[in-house]
Amino acid sequence: ASRRIIVSAWNTADIDEMSKAGIPPCHLLFQFYVADGKLSCQMYQRSADTFLGVPFNIASYSLLTVMMAQVTGLQPGDFVHTFGDTHLYVNHLEQVDEQLSRQPRKLPIMKINPRVESIDDFKFEDFELVGYDPHQAIKAPIAV
């Protein structure tokens, strides 16, 4: 088992440059670990916009975990999401109420081209989301 595969987006020498979008990286560290032939990922997020950001972060890092598992010859394991400051903005409360009123739907299946063997070789066409049945999008302003 390995617990040493760590990627940090937090480079103190470049924080000012990284903050040009307004804020430094919110999801700043992730770690892959291997146990029982499965690759899992834990991501630490220092600041989490629960309504707008977190769903995208979950999807992104879950996909990255599946991609990395494939190119390393492992089975995908878990995605564990750890938060520092988790928040809901006041101007998102109506949208959150709408989201919470919806009935959950069956989760889709992500199919990935099994011939891809390097993380750098993935293309958009290598992914197929099967059985995705989303509700209508809920719009909300970004709050920084």
N, C-alpha and C. Protein backbone atom coordinates (compact mmCIF):
# COMPACT_ATOMS: atom_id res chain seq x y z
N ALA A 1 0.84 -1.19 0.00
CA ALA A 1 0.00 0.00 0.00
C ALA A 1 0.89 1.25 0.00
N SER A 2 0.42 2.28 -0.67
CA SER A 2 1.17 3.53 -0.73
C SER A 2 0.31 4.68 -0.25
N ARG A 3 0.93 5.57 0.51
CA ARG A 3 0.24 6.76 1.00
C ARG A 3 1.05 8.01 0.67
N ARG A 4 1.98 7.90 -0.27
CA ARG A 4 2.91 9.00 -0.53
C ARG A 4 2.66 9.73 -1.83
N ILE A 5 1.59 9.43 -2.51
CA ILE A 5 1.29 10.08 -3.80
C ILE A 5 0.48 11.33 -3.51
N ILE A 6 1.16 12.46 -3.35
CA ILE A 6 0.53 13.70 -2.92
C ILE A 6 0.80 14.80 -3.94
N VAL A 7 -0.23 15.56 -4.28
CA VAL A 7 -0.10 16.70 -5.18
C VAL A 7 -0.61 17.93 -4.44
N SER A 8 0.20 18.99 -4.42
CA SER A 8 -0.19 20.23 -3.76
C SER A 8 -0.28 21.35 -4.80
N ALA A 9 -1.38 22.09 -4.75
CA ALA A 9 -1.55 23.26 -5.63
C ALA A 9 -1.15 24.53 -4.88
N TRP A 10 -0.68 24.39 -3.66
CA TRP A 10 -0.38 25.53 -2.82
C TRP A 10 1.11 25.81 -2.85
N ASN A 11 1.52 26.72 -3.71
CA ASN A 11 2.91 27.11 -3.83
C ASN A 11 3.02 28.52 -3.25
N THR A 12 3.58 28.64 -2.06
CA THR A 12 3.61 29.94 -1.38
C THR A 12 4.34 31.00 -2.19
N ALA A 13 5.30 30.60 -3.00
CA ALA A 13 6.04 31.57 -3.82
C ALA A 13 5.16 32.15 -4.92
N ASP A 14 4.10 31.44 -5.31
CA ASP A 14 3.25 31.87 -6.42
C ASP A 14 1.82 32.24 -6.01
N ILE A 15 1.55 32.37 -4.72
CA ILE A 15 0.17 32.64 -4.27
C ILE A 15 -0.38 33.92 -4.91
N ASP A 16 0.42 34.97 -4.99
CA ASP A 16 -0.08 36.21 -5.61
C ASP A 16 -0.46 35.98 -7.07
N GLU A 17 0.37 35.25 -7.80
CA GLU A 17 0.09 34.94 -9.20
C GLU A 17 -1.15 34.05 -9.32
N MET A 18 -1.25 33.07 -8.43
CA MET A 18 -2.38 32.14 -8.45
C MET A 18 -3.68 32.83 -8.06
N SER A 19 -3.58 33.96 -7.37
CA SER A 19 -4.76 34.66 -6.87
C SER A 19 -5.31 35.69 -7.85
N LYS A 20 -4.77 35.77 -9.04
CA LYS A 20 -5.22 36.79 -10.00
C LYS A 20 -6.70 36.65 -10.34
N ALA A 21 -7.26 35.45 -10.18
CA ALA A 21 -8.69 35.25 -10.41
C ALA A 21 -9.50 35.79 -9.24
N GLY A 22 -8.85 36.25 -8.20
CA GLY A 22 -9.55 36.81 -7.06
C GLY A 22 -9.24 36.11 -5.75
N ILE A 23 -8.98 34.81 -5.82
CA ILE A 23 -8.70 34.04 -4.62
C ILE A 23 -7.66 32.97 -4.93
N PRO A 24 -6.88 32.55 -3.93
CA PRO A 24 -5.95 31.45 -4.15
C PRO A 24 -6.72 30.13 -4.30
N PRO A 25 -6.05 29.06 -4.70
CA PRO A 25 -6.75 27.79 -4.94
C PRO A 25 -7.58 27.34 -3.73
N CYS A 26 -8.80 26.93 -4.01
CA CYS A 26 -9.68 26.43 -2.94
C CYS A 26 -9.41 24.95 -2.67
N HIS A 27 -9.30 24.16 -3.73
CA HIS A 27 -8.94 22.75 -3.56
C HIS A 27 -7.44 22.68 -3.79
N LEU A 28 -6.71 22.46 -2.70
CA LEU A 28 -5.28 22.71 -2.75
C LEU A 28 -4.39 21.50 -2.57
N LEU A 29 -4.93 20.38 -2.16
CA LEU A 29 -4.08 19.21 -1.97
C LEU A 29 -4.90 17.96 -2.18
N PHE A 30 -4.31 17.01 -2.90
CA PHE A 30 -4.96 15.70 -2.98
C PHE A 30 -3.93 14.61 -2.87
N GLN A 31 -4.39 13.47 -2.36
CA GLN A 31 -3.52 12.33 -2.09
C GLN A 31 -4.18 11.07 -2.64
N PHE A 32 -3.40 10.31 -3.40
CA PHE A 32 -3.86 9.00 -3.83
C PHE A 32 -3.28 7.96 -2.88
N TYR A 33 -4.04 6.93 -2.62
CA TYR A 33 -3.51 5.83 -1.82
C TYR A 33 -4.06 4.52 -2.39
N VAL A 34 -3.26 3.48 -2.23
CA VAL A 34 -3.56 2.17 -2.80
C VAL A 34 -3.76 1.18 -1.66
N ALA A 35 -4.85 0.43 -1.73
CA ALA A 35 -5.11 -0.64 -0.77
C ALA A 35 -5.96 -1.69 -1.45
N ASP A 36 -5.55 -2.93 -1.32
CA ASP A 36 -6.31 -4.06 -1.87
C ASP A 36 -6.58 -3.92 -3.36
N GLY A 37 -5.61 -3.41 -4.11
CA GLY A 37 -5.75 -3.28 -5.56
C GLY A 37 -6.64 -2.14 -6.01
N LYS A 38 -7.00 -1.25 -5.09
CA LYS A 38 -7.86 -0.11 -5.43
C LYS A 38 -7.12 1.20 -5.18
N LEU A 39 -7.35 2.15 -6.09
CA LEU A 39 -6.78 3.49 -5.96
C LEU A 39 -7.86 4.43 -5.45
N SER A 40 -7.61 5.05 -4.32
CA SER A 40 -8.54 6.02 -3.75
C SER A 40 -7.88 7.38 -3.73
N CYS A 41 -8.70 8.41 -3.60
CA CYS A 41 -8.21 9.78 -3.58
C CYS A 41 -8.88 10.54 -2.45
N GLN A 42 -8.07 11.28 -1.70
CA GLN A 42 -8.61 12.20 -0.71
C GLN A 42 -8.16 13.60 -1.10
N MET A 43 -9.11 14.53 -1.13
CA MET A 43 -8.81 15.90 -1.50
C MET A 43 -9.15 16.81 -0.32
N TYR A 44 -8.24 17.73 -0.02
CA TYR A 44 -8.49 18.74 1.00
C TYR A 44 -8.81 20.06 0.32
N GLN A 45 -9.93 20.63 0.71
CA GLN A 45 -10.39 21.89 0.14
C GLN A 45 -10.48 22.90 1.28
N ARG A 46 -9.68 23.98 1.18
CA ARG A 46 -9.61 24.96 2.27
C ARG A 46 -10.87 25.80 2.37
N SER A 47 -11.55 26.02 1.23
CA SER A 47 -12.75 26.85 1.20
C SER A 47 -13.71 26.22 0.20
N ALA A 48 -14.96 26.02 0.61
CA ALA A 48 -15.89 25.27 -0.22
C ALA A 48 -17.24 25.96 -0.34
N ASP A 49 -17.55 26.43 -1.55
CA ASP A 49 -18.87 26.97 -1.89
C ASP A 49 -19.77 25.75 -2.11
N THR A 50 -20.56 25.42 -1.10
CA THR A 50 -21.32 24.17 -1.10
C THR A 50 -22.26 24.03 -2.29
N PHE A 51 -22.89 25.12 -2.70
CA PHE A 51 -23.87 25.00 -3.78
C PHE A 51 -23.23 24.98 -5.17
N LEU A 52 -22.34 25.93 -5.46
CA LEU A 52 -21.79 26.03 -6.81
C LEU A 52 -20.51 25.23 -7.01
N GLY A 53 -19.60 25.26 -6.06
CA GLY A 53 -18.28 24.68 -6.27
C GLY A 53 -18.17 23.20 -5.95
N VAL A 54 -18.70 22.79 -4.81
CA VAL A 54 -18.50 21.43 -4.33
C VAL A 54 -18.99 20.36 -5.31
N PRO A 55 -20.18 20.48 -5.91
CA PRO A 55 -20.59 19.45 -6.87
C PRO A 55 -19.60 19.29 -8.03
N PHE A 56 -19.08 20.41 -8.54
CA PHE A 56 -18.09 20.35 -9.61
C PHE A 56 -16.80 19.70 -9.12
N ASN A 57 -16.37 20.05 -7.90
CA ASN A 57 -15.15 19.46 -7.35
C ASN A 57 -15.29 17.96 -7.15
N ILE A 58 -16.43 17.51 -6.67
CA ILE A 58 -16.68 16.08 -6.49
C ILE A 58 -16.60 15.36 -7.83
N ALA A 59 -17.27 15.89 -8.84
CA ALA A 59 -17.25 15.26 -10.16
C ALA A 59 -15.83 15.24 -10.73
N SER A 60 -15.11 16.35 -10.61
CA SER A 60 -13.76 16.45 -11.19
C SER A 60 -12.78 15.47 -10.55
N TYR A 61 -12.74 15.44 -9.24
CA TYR A 61 -11.78 14.58 -8.56
C TYR A 61 -12.19 13.11 -8.61
N SER A 62 -13.47 12.83 -8.67
CA SER A 62 -13.92 11.45 -8.86
C SER A 62 -13.49 10.95 -10.23
N LEU A 63 -13.66 11.80 -11.25
CA LEU A 63 -13.22 11.43 -12.60
C LEU A 63 -11.71 11.24 -12.63
N LEU A 64 -10.96 12.14 -12.01
CA LEU A 64 -9.51 12.00 -11.97
C LEU A 64 -9.11 10.69 -11.31
N THR A 65 -9.80 10.30 -10.25
CA THR A 65 -9.52 9.04 -9.57
C THR A 65 -9.73 7.85 -10.49
N VAL A 66 -10.82 7.86 -11.23
CA VAL A 66 -11.10 6.76 -12.17
C VAL A 66 -10.06 6.72 -13.28
N MET A 67 -9.68 7.90 -13.79
CA MET A 67 -8.66 7.97 -14.84
C MET A 67 -7.31 7.44 -14.34
N MET A 68 -6.91 7.88 -13.17
CA MET A 68 -5.63 7.43 -12.60
C MET A 68 -5.65 5.94 -12.30
N ALA A 69 -6.77 5.44 -11.83
CA ALA A 69 -6.87 4.00 -11.57
C ALA A 69 -6.66 3.22 -12.86
N GLN A 70 -7.28 3.68 -13.93
CA GLN A 70 -7.13 2.97 -15.21
C GLN A 70 -5.68 2.94 -15.68
N VAL A 71 -5.01 4.08 -15.66
CA VAL A 71 -3.65 4.13 -16.21
C VAL A 71 -2.62 3.47 -15.29
N THR A 72 -2.99 3.19 -14.05
CA THR A 72 -2.08 2.49 -13.15
C THR A 72 -2.43 1.01 -13.00
N GLY A 73 -3.47 0.57 -13.71
CA GLY A 73 -3.85 -0.84 -13.66
C GLY A 73 -4.54 -1.24 -12.37
N LEU A 74 -5.14 -0.28 -11.70
CA LEU A 74 -5.85 -0.55 -10.45
C LEU A 74 -7.35 -0.36 -10.65
N GLN A 75 -8.11 -0.81 -9.70
CA GLN A 75 -9.55 -0.56 -9.70
C GLN A 75 -9.79 0.77 -8.98
N PRO A 76 -10.81 1.53 -9.41
CA PRO A 76 -11.11 2.77 -8.68
C PRO A 76 -11.62 2.44 -7.28
N GLY A 77 -11.16 3.21 -6.32
CA GLY A 77 -11.61 3.05 -4.94
C GLY A 77 -12.55 4.18 -4.57
N ASP A 78 -12.27 4.81 -3.46
CA ASP A 78 -13.13 5.87 -2.93
C ASP A 78 -12.59 7.25 -3.27
N PHE A 79 -13.50 8.22 -3.29
CA PHE A 79 -13.11 9.62 -3.29
C PHE A 79 -13.57 10.17 -1.95
N VAL A 80 -12.63 10.71 -1.19
CA VAL A 80 -12.91 11.28 0.13
C VAL A 80 -12.65 12.78 0.04
N HIS A 81 -13.65 13.57 0.41
CA HIS A 81 -13.58 15.02 0.28
C HIS A 81 -13.55 15.62 1.69
N THR A 82 -12.46 16.32 2.01
CA THR A 82 -12.29 16.93 3.31
C THR A 82 -12.31 18.45 3.15
N PHE A 83 -13.05 19.12 4.03
CA PHE A 83 -13.23 20.56 3.91
C PHE A 83 -12.66 21.31 5.10
N GLY A 84 -12.18 22.52 4.84
CA GLY A 84 -11.80 23.44 5.90
C GLY A 84 -12.99 24.32 6.23
N ASP A 85 -13.25 25.34 5.41
CA ASP A 85 -14.36 26.27 5.60
C ASP A 85 -15.43 25.94 4.55
N THR A 86 -16.51 25.34 5.00
CA THR A 86 -17.62 24.99 4.11
C THR A 86 -18.73 26.00 4.34
N HIS A 87 -19.26 26.57 3.25
CA HIS A 87 -20.24 27.63 3.43
C HIS A 87 -21.30 27.63 2.32
N LEU A 88 -22.47 28.15 2.71
CA LEU A 88 -23.56 28.46 1.78
C LEU A 88 -23.71 29.97 1.79
N TYR A 89 -23.75 30.56 0.62
CA TYR A 89 -23.94 32.00 0.55
C TYR A 89 -25.43 32.34 0.66
N VAL A 90 -25.74 33.45 1.31
CA VAL A 90 -27.12 33.88 1.51
C VAL A 90 -27.84 34.03 0.18
N ASN A 91 -27.14 34.49 -0.86
CA ASN A 91 -27.80 34.67 -2.16
C ASN A 91 -27.97 33.35 -2.92
N HIS A 92 -27.70 32.21 -2.28
CA HIS A 92 -27.93 30.90 -2.88
C HIS A 92 -29.02 30.11 -2.15
N LEU A 93 -29.60 30.66 -1.12
CA LEU A 93 -30.53 29.89 -0.29
C LEU A 93 -31.77 29.42 -1.05
N GLU A 94 -32.33 30.24 -1.92
CA GLU A 94 -33.50 29.81 -2.70
C GLU A 94 -33.12 28.65 -3.62
N GLN A 95 -31.94 28.73 -4.23
CA GLN A 95 -31.49 27.67 -5.13
C GLN A 95 -31.24 26.37 -4.35
N VAL A 96 -30.71 26.48 -3.15
CA VAL A 96 -30.48 25.30 -2.31
C VAL A 96 -31.81 24.66 -1.95
N ASP A 97 -32.80 25.47 -1.58
CA ASP A 97 -34.13 24.93 -1.28
C ASP A 97 -34.69 24.17 -2.47
N GLU A 98 -34.53 24.74 -3.68
CA GLU A 98 -35.01 24.05 -4.88
C GLU A 98 -34.28 22.73 -5.07
N GLN A 99 -32.95 22.73 -4.91
CA GLN A 99 -32.17 21.50 -5.07
C GLN A 99 -32.63 20.43 -4.08
N LEU A 100 -32.83 20.83 -2.84
CA LEU A 100 -33.22 19.88 -1.80
C LEU A 100 -34.64 19.35 -1.98
N SER A 101 -35.47 20.05 -2.74
CA SER A 101 -36.84 19.60 -2.97
C SER A 101 -36.92 18.53 -4.06
N ARG A 102 -35.85 18.33 -4.80
CA ARG A 102 -35.86 17.40 -5.94
C ARG A 102 -35.65 15.96 -5.49
N GLN A 103 -36.28 15.06 -6.22
CA GLN A 103 -36.09 13.63 -5.98
C GLN A 103 -34.78 13.19 -6.61
N PRO A 104 -33.94 12.48 -5.86
CA PRO A 104 -32.70 11.97 -6.46
C PRO A 104 -33.01 11.01 -7.61
N ARG A 105 -32.14 10.99 -8.58
CA ARG A 105 -32.27 10.09 -9.71
C ARG A 105 -31.13 9.08 -9.68
N LYS A 106 -31.30 8.02 -10.43
CA LYS A 106 -30.28 6.97 -10.50
C LYS A 106 -28.96 7.57 -10.98
N LEU A 107 -27.87 7.14 -10.35
CA LEU A 107 -26.55 7.65 -10.73
C LEU A 107 -26.13 7.10 -12.09
N PRO A 108 -25.48 7.92 -12.90
CA PRO A 108 -24.98 7.46 -14.20
C PRO A 108 -23.70 6.63 -14.03
N ILE A 109 -23.29 5.99 -15.09
CA ILE A 109 -22.06 5.21 -15.13
C ILE A 109 -21.09 5.90 -16.08
N MET A 110 -19.85 6.09 -15.63
CA MET A 110 -18.82 6.67 -16.49
C MET A 110 -18.06 5.52 -17.16
N LYS A 111 -18.07 5.52 -18.48
CA LYS A 111 -17.30 4.54 -19.25
C LYS A 111 -16.12 5.27 -19.87
N ILE A 112 -14.95 4.66 -19.74
CA ILE A 112 -13.71 5.26 -20.25
C ILE A 112 -13.08 4.29 -21.23
N ASN A 113 -12.55 4.84 -22.31
CA ASN A 113 -11.86 4.04 -23.32
C ASN A 113 -10.76 3.22 -22.64
N PRO A 114 -10.89 1.89 -22.63
CA PRO A 114 -9.91 1.05 -21.92
C PRO A 114 -8.54 1.01 -22.59
N ARG A 115 -8.43 1.52 -23.80
CA ARG A 115 -7.14 1.49 -24.51
C ARG A 115 -6.20 2.61 -24.07
N VAL A 116 -6.71 3.61 -23.37
CA VAL A 116 -5.85 4.71 -22.92
C VAL A 116 -4.99 4.21 -21.76
N GLU A 117 -3.66 4.38 -21.91
CA GLU A 117 -2.72 3.87 -20.91
C GLU A 117 -1.88 4.96 -20.25
N SER A 118 -2.03 6.21 -20.69
CA SER A 118 -1.28 7.32 -20.09
C SER A 118 -2.24 8.45 -19.78
N ILE A 119 -2.06 9.07 -18.63
CA ILE A 119 -2.94 10.17 -18.22
C ILE A 119 -2.93 11.30 -19.24
N ASP A 120 -1.81 11.49 -19.93
CA ASP A 120 -1.69 12.57 -20.92
C ASP A 120 -2.39 12.27 -22.24
N ASP A 121 -2.82 11.03 -22.43
CA ASP A 121 -3.42 10.64 -23.71
C ASP A 121 -4.94 10.73 -23.74
N PHE A 122 -5.58 11.01 -22.62
CA PHE A 122 -7.04 11.09 -22.60
C PHE A 122 -7.53 12.26 -23.45
N LYS A 123 -8.62 11.99 -24.19
CA LYS A 123 -9.30 13.01 -24.98
C LYS A 123 -10.78 12.98 -24.60
N PHE A 124 -11.49 14.04 -24.94
CA PHE A 124 -12.91 14.13 -24.64
C PHE A 124 -13.66 12.89 -25.14
N GLU A 125 -13.29 12.42 -26.31
CA GLU A 125 -13.98 11.29 -26.94
C GLU A 125 -13.78 9.98 -26.18
N ASP A 126 -12.86 9.93 -25.23
CA ASP A 126 -12.59 8.71 -24.47
C ASP A 126 -13.57 8.50 -23.32
N PHE A 127 -14.51 9.42 -23.13
CA PHE A 127 -15.43 9.34 -22.01
C PHE A 127 -16.87 9.27 -22.49
N GLU A 128 -17.64 8.41 -21.82
CA GLU A 128 -19.08 8.31 -22.12
C GLU A 128 -19.82 8.19 -20.79
N LEU A 129 -20.73 9.12 -20.55
CA LEU A 129 -21.54 9.09 -19.34
C LEU A 129 -22.87 8.43 -19.71
N VAL A 130 -23.08 7.23 -19.20
CA VAL A 130 -24.24 6.42 -19.57
C VAL A 130 -25.32 6.54 -18.50
N GLY A 131 -26.54 6.80 -18.94
CA GLY A 131 -27.67 6.86 -18.02
C GLY A 131 -27.76 8.16 -17.25
N TYR A 132 -27.18 9.23 -17.78
CA TYR A 132 -27.23 10.52 -17.10
C TYR A 132 -28.58 11.17 -17.37
N ASP A 133 -29.35 11.40 -16.32
CA ASP A 133 -30.69 11.97 -16.43
C ASP A 133 -30.80 13.15 -15.45
N PRO A 134 -30.22 14.29 -15.83
CA PRO A 134 -30.17 15.41 -14.89
C PRO A 134 -31.49 16.16 -14.78
N HIS A 135 -31.67 16.79 -13.65
CA HIS A 135 -32.74 17.78 -13.51
C HIS A 135 -32.30 19.03 -14.28
N GLN A 136 -33.23 19.96 -14.47
CA GLN A 136 -32.91 21.23 -15.11
C GLN A 136 -31.89 21.97 -14.25
N ALA A 137 -30.96 22.67 -14.91
CA ALA A 137 -29.92 23.42 -14.19
C ALA A 137 -30.54 24.50 -13.31
N ILE A 138 -29.89 24.75 -12.19
CA ILE A 138 -30.29 25.83 -11.29
C ILE A 138 -29.18 26.87 -11.35
N LYS A 139 -29.51 28.06 -11.77
CA LYS A 139 -28.53 29.14 -11.89
C LYS A 139 -28.38 29.90 -10.57
N ALA A 140 -27.15 30.33 -10.31
CA ALA A 140 -26.88 31.14 -9.12
C ALA A 140 -25.66 32.00 -9.39
N PRO A 141 -25.63 33.22 -8.85
CA PRO A 141 -24.46 34.08 -9.06
C PRO A 141 -23.26 33.58 -8.25
N ILE A 142 -22.07 33.79 -8.78
CA ILE A 142 -20.86 33.43 -8.04
C ILE A 142 -20.61 34.51 -7.00
N ALA A 143 -20.33 34.07 -5.79
CA ALA A 143 -20.02 35.00 -4.70
C ALA A 143 -18.58 34.76 -4.27
N VAL A 144 -17.80 35.83 -4.22
CA VAL A 144 -16.38 35.68 -3.80
C VAL A 144 -16.18 36.44 -2.51
